[in-house]
């Protein structure tokens, strides 16, 4: 009986024993070059037609009351 009590005390004491922590790096990696779906910048886009922009310009000028 004494052995069972001693074993249970040892088991409960080992539950609260400190565990060695592995040190982790806190530096963040912000590079997404190797991620799926990443594309280089497209640059300046020139539309072949100015008609959609003219329609929006005229609509914005007409509604400025």
N, C-alpha and C. Protein backbone atom coordinates (compact mmCIF):
# COMPACT_ATOMS: atom_id res chain seq x y z
N UNK A 1 0.82 -1.20 0.00
CA UNK A 1 0.00 0.00 0.00
C UNK A 1 0.86 1.25 0.00
N UNK A 2 1.96 1.19 0.76
CA UNK A 2 2.85 2.34 0.83
C UNK A 2 3.51 2.61 -0.52
N UNK A 3 3.75 1.55 -1.27
CA UNK A 3 4.37 1.70 -2.60
C UNK A 3 3.40 2.41 -3.55
N UNK A 4 2.13 2.09 -3.47
CA UNK A 4 1.12 2.72 -4.33
C UNK A 4 1.01 4.20 -4.00
N UNK A 5 1.01 4.54 -2.75
CA UNK A 5 0.92 5.94 -2.34
C UNK A 5 2.17 6.70 -2.78
N UNK A 6 3.34 6.10 -2.61
CA UNK A 6 4.59 6.74 -3.03
C UNK A 6 4.61 6.94 -4.55
N UNK A 7 4.12 5.96 -5.29
CA UNK A 7 4.10 6.06 -6.75
C UNK A 7 3.14 7.15 -7.20
N UNK A 8 2.00 7.27 -6.54
CA UNK A 8 1.05 8.31 -6.92
C UNK A 8 1.58 9.69 -6.56
N UNK A 9 2.30 9.82 -5.44
CA UNK A 9 2.91 11.09 -5.09
C UNK A 9 3.99 11.48 -6.10
N UNK A 10 4.78 10.51 -6.53
CA UNK A 10 5.81 10.77 -7.54
C UNK A 10 5.18 11.20 -8.86
N UNK A 11 4.10 10.54 -9.26
CA UNK A 11 3.44 10.87 -10.52
C UNK A 11 2.83 12.27 -10.46
N UNK A 12 2.22 12.62 -9.33
CA UNK A 12 1.62 13.95 -9.24
C UNK A 12 2.69 15.03 -9.14
N UNK A 13 3.83 14.74 -8.53
CA UNK A 13 4.90 15.72 -8.44
C UNK A 13 5.55 15.94 -9.80
N UNK A 14 5.63 14.90 -10.62
CA UNK A 14 6.25 15.06 -11.94
C UNK A 14 5.36 15.86 -12.88
N UNK A 15 4.08 15.95 -12.59
CA UNK A 15 3.18 16.74 -13.43
C UNK A 15 3.48 18.23 -13.31
N UNK A 16 4.03 18.65 -12.16
CA UNK A 16 4.32 20.06 -11.94
C UNK A 16 5.79 20.40 -12.11
N UNK A 17 6.58 19.45 -12.58
CA UNK A 17 8.01 19.70 -12.78
C UNK A 17 8.20 20.62 -13.98
N UNK A 18 9.17 21.54 -13.92
CA UNK A 18 9.40 22.44 -15.06
C UNK A 18 9.94 21.66 -16.26
N UNK A 19 9.46 22.06 -17.42
CA UNK A 19 9.86 21.42 -18.67
C UNK A 19 10.79 22.38 -19.40
N UNK A 20 11.88 21.86 -19.96
CA UNK A 20 12.82 22.69 -20.71
C UNK A 20 12.14 23.23 -21.96
N UNK A 21 12.16 24.54 -22.13
CA UNK A 21 11.53 25.19 -23.28
C UNK A 21 12.56 25.41 -24.38
N UNK A 22 12.17 25.10 -25.60
CA UNK A 22 13.03 25.37 -26.74
C UNK A 22 12.87 26.84 -27.12
N UNK A 23 13.97 27.55 -27.22
CA UNK A 23 13.87 28.98 -27.57
C UNK A 23 13.50 29.11 -29.04
N UNK A 24 12.56 30.00 -29.29
CA UNK A 24 12.09 30.20 -30.65
C UNK A 24 12.48 31.60 -31.12
N UNK A 25 12.61 31.74 -32.40
CA UNK A 25 12.96 33.03 -32.98
C UNK A 25 11.71 33.89 -33.10
N UNK A 26 11.84 35.17 -32.79
CA UNK A 26 10.68 36.06 -32.87
C UNK A 26 10.71 36.93 -34.11
N UNK A 27 11.71 36.77 -34.95
CA UNK A 27 11.77 37.59 -36.16
C UNK A 27 10.74 37.08 -37.16
N UNK A 28 10.01 38.01 -37.76
CA UNK A 28 8.96 37.65 -38.71
C UNK A 28 9.51 37.67 -40.13
N UNK A 29 9.11 36.72 -40.89
CA UNK A 29 9.49 36.68 -42.29
C UNK A 29 8.34 37.24 -43.11
N UNK A 30 8.56 38.37 -43.77
CA UNK A 30 7.49 39.01 -44.54
C UNK A 30 7.62 38.75 -46.03
N UNK A 31 8.52 37.87 -46.44
CA UNK A 31 8.68 37.60 -47.85
C UNK A 31 7.68 36.56 -48.33
N UNK A 32 6.94 36.86 -49.38
CA UNK A 32 5.97 35.93 -49.92
C UNK A 32 6.36 35.50 -51.33
N UNK A 33 7.65 35.53 -51.63
CA UNK A 33 8.08 35.21 -52.99
C UNK A 33 7.81 33.76 -53.37
N UNK A 34 7.83 32.87 -52.39
CA UNK A 34 7.67 31.45 -52.69
C UNK A 34 6.24 30.96 -52.47
N UNK A 35 5.32 31.85 -52.17
CA UNK A 35 3.94 31.45 -51.92
C UNK A 35 3.17 31.28 -53.23
N UNK A 36 2.14 30.46 -53.16
CA UNK A 36 1.30 30.19 -54.31
C UNK A 36 0.44 31.41 -54.64
N UNK A 37 0.41 31.84 -55.89
CA UNK A 37 -0.43 32.94 -56.32
C UNK A 37 0.24 34.30 -56.30
N UNK A 38 1.50 34.36 -55.93
CA UNK A 38 2.19 35.65 -55.88
C UNK A 38 2.69 36.00 -57.27
N UNK A 39 2.43 37.23 -57.70
CA UNK A 39 2.86 37.68 -59.02
C UNK A 39 3.68 38.95 -58.88
N UNK A 40 4.57 39.21 -59.83
CA UNK A 40 5.28 40.48 -59.82
C UNK A 40 4.31 41.62 -60.15
N UNK A 41 4.65 42.84 -59.79
CA UNK A 41 3.76 43.97 -60.11
C UNK A 41 3.53 44.10 -61.61
N UNK A 42 2.32 44.53 -61.99
CA UNK A 42 1.97 44.64 -63.40
C UNK A 42 2.49 45.92 -64.03
N UNK A 43 2.78 46.92 -63.22
CA UNK A 43 3.26 48.18 -63.78
C UNK A 43 2.11 49.10 -64.14
N UNK A 44 2.38 50.08 -64.97
CA UNK A 44 1.38 51.07 -65.36
C UNK A 44 0.51 50.51 -66.47
N UNK A 45 -0.81 50.51 -66.24
CA UNK A 45 -1.74 49.95 -67.22
C UNK A 45 -2.29 51.06 -68.10
N UNK A 46 -2.17 50.89 -69.41
CA UNK A 46 -2.70 51.85 -70.37
C UNK A 46 -3.83 51.17 -71.13
N UNK A 47 -5.02 51.72 -70.99
CA UNK A 47 -6.17 51.14 -71.67
C UNK A 47 -6.12 51.54 -73.14
N UNK A 48 -6.46 50.62 -74.05
CA UNK A 48 -6.47 50.97 -75.47
C UNK A 48 -7.63 51.90 -75.82
N UNK A 49 -8.65 51.96 -74.97
CA UNK A 49 -9.80 52.81 -75.25
C UNK A 49 -10.02 53.76 -74.09
N UNK A 50 -10.27 55.03 -74.40
CA UNK A 50 -10.53 56.03 -73.37
C UNK A 50 -12.02 56.24 -73.14
N UNK A 51 -12.86 55.51 -73.85
CA UNK A 51 -14.30 55.71 -73.75
C UNK A 51 -14.84 55.49 -72.34
N UNK A 52 -14.46 54.42 -71.62
CA UNK A 52 -15.00 54.25 -70.26
C UNK A 52 -14.61 55.40 -69.33
N UNK A 53 -13.42 55.93 -69.51
CA UNK A 53 -12.98 57.04 -68.66
C UNK A 53 -13.72 58.33 -69.00
N UNK A 54 -14.01 58.53 -70.28
CA UNK A 54 -14.76 59.72 -70.67
C UNK A 54 -16.18 59.68 -70.13
N UNK A 55 -16.80 58.50 -70.15
CA UNK A 55 -18.15 58.36 -69.63
C UNK A 55 -18.16 58.66 -68.14
N UNK A 56 -17.17 58.15 -67.40
CA UNK A 56 -17.11 58.42 -65.97
C UNK A 56 -16.81 59.89 -65.69
N UNK A 57 -15.96 60.50 -66.49
CA UNK A 57 -15.65 61.92 -66.31
C UNK A 57 -16.87 62.79 -66.54
N UNK A 58 -17.61 62.50 -67.61
CA UNK A 58 -18.81 63.29 -67.92
C UNK A 58 -19.86 63.10 -66.83
N UNK A 59 -20.02 61.86 -66.35
CA UNK A 59 -21.01 61.60 -65.30
C UNK A 59 -20.63 62.32 -64.01
N UNK A 60 -19.34 62.33 -63.68
CA UNK A 60 -18.94 63.01 -62.44
C UNK A 60 -19.07 64.52 -62.58
N UNK A 61 -18.83 65.08 -63.78
CA UNK A 61 -18.99 66.52 -63.96
C UNK A 61 -20.46 66.93 -63.94
N UNK A 62 -21.33 66.08 -64.48
CA UNK A 62 -22.75 66.40 -64.50
C UNK A 62 -23.39 66.32 -63.12
N UNK A 63 -22.85 65.48 -62.24
CA UNK A 63 -23.46 65.29 -60.93
C UNK A 63 -22.82 66.16 -59.85
N UNK A 64 -21.96 67.07 -60.23
CA UNK A 64 -21.36 67.99 -59.26
C UNK A 64 -22.24 69.23 -59.16
N UNK A 65 -23.25 69.14 -58.38
CA UNK A 65 -24.18 70.27 -58.26
C UNK A 65 -23.92 71.00 -56.98
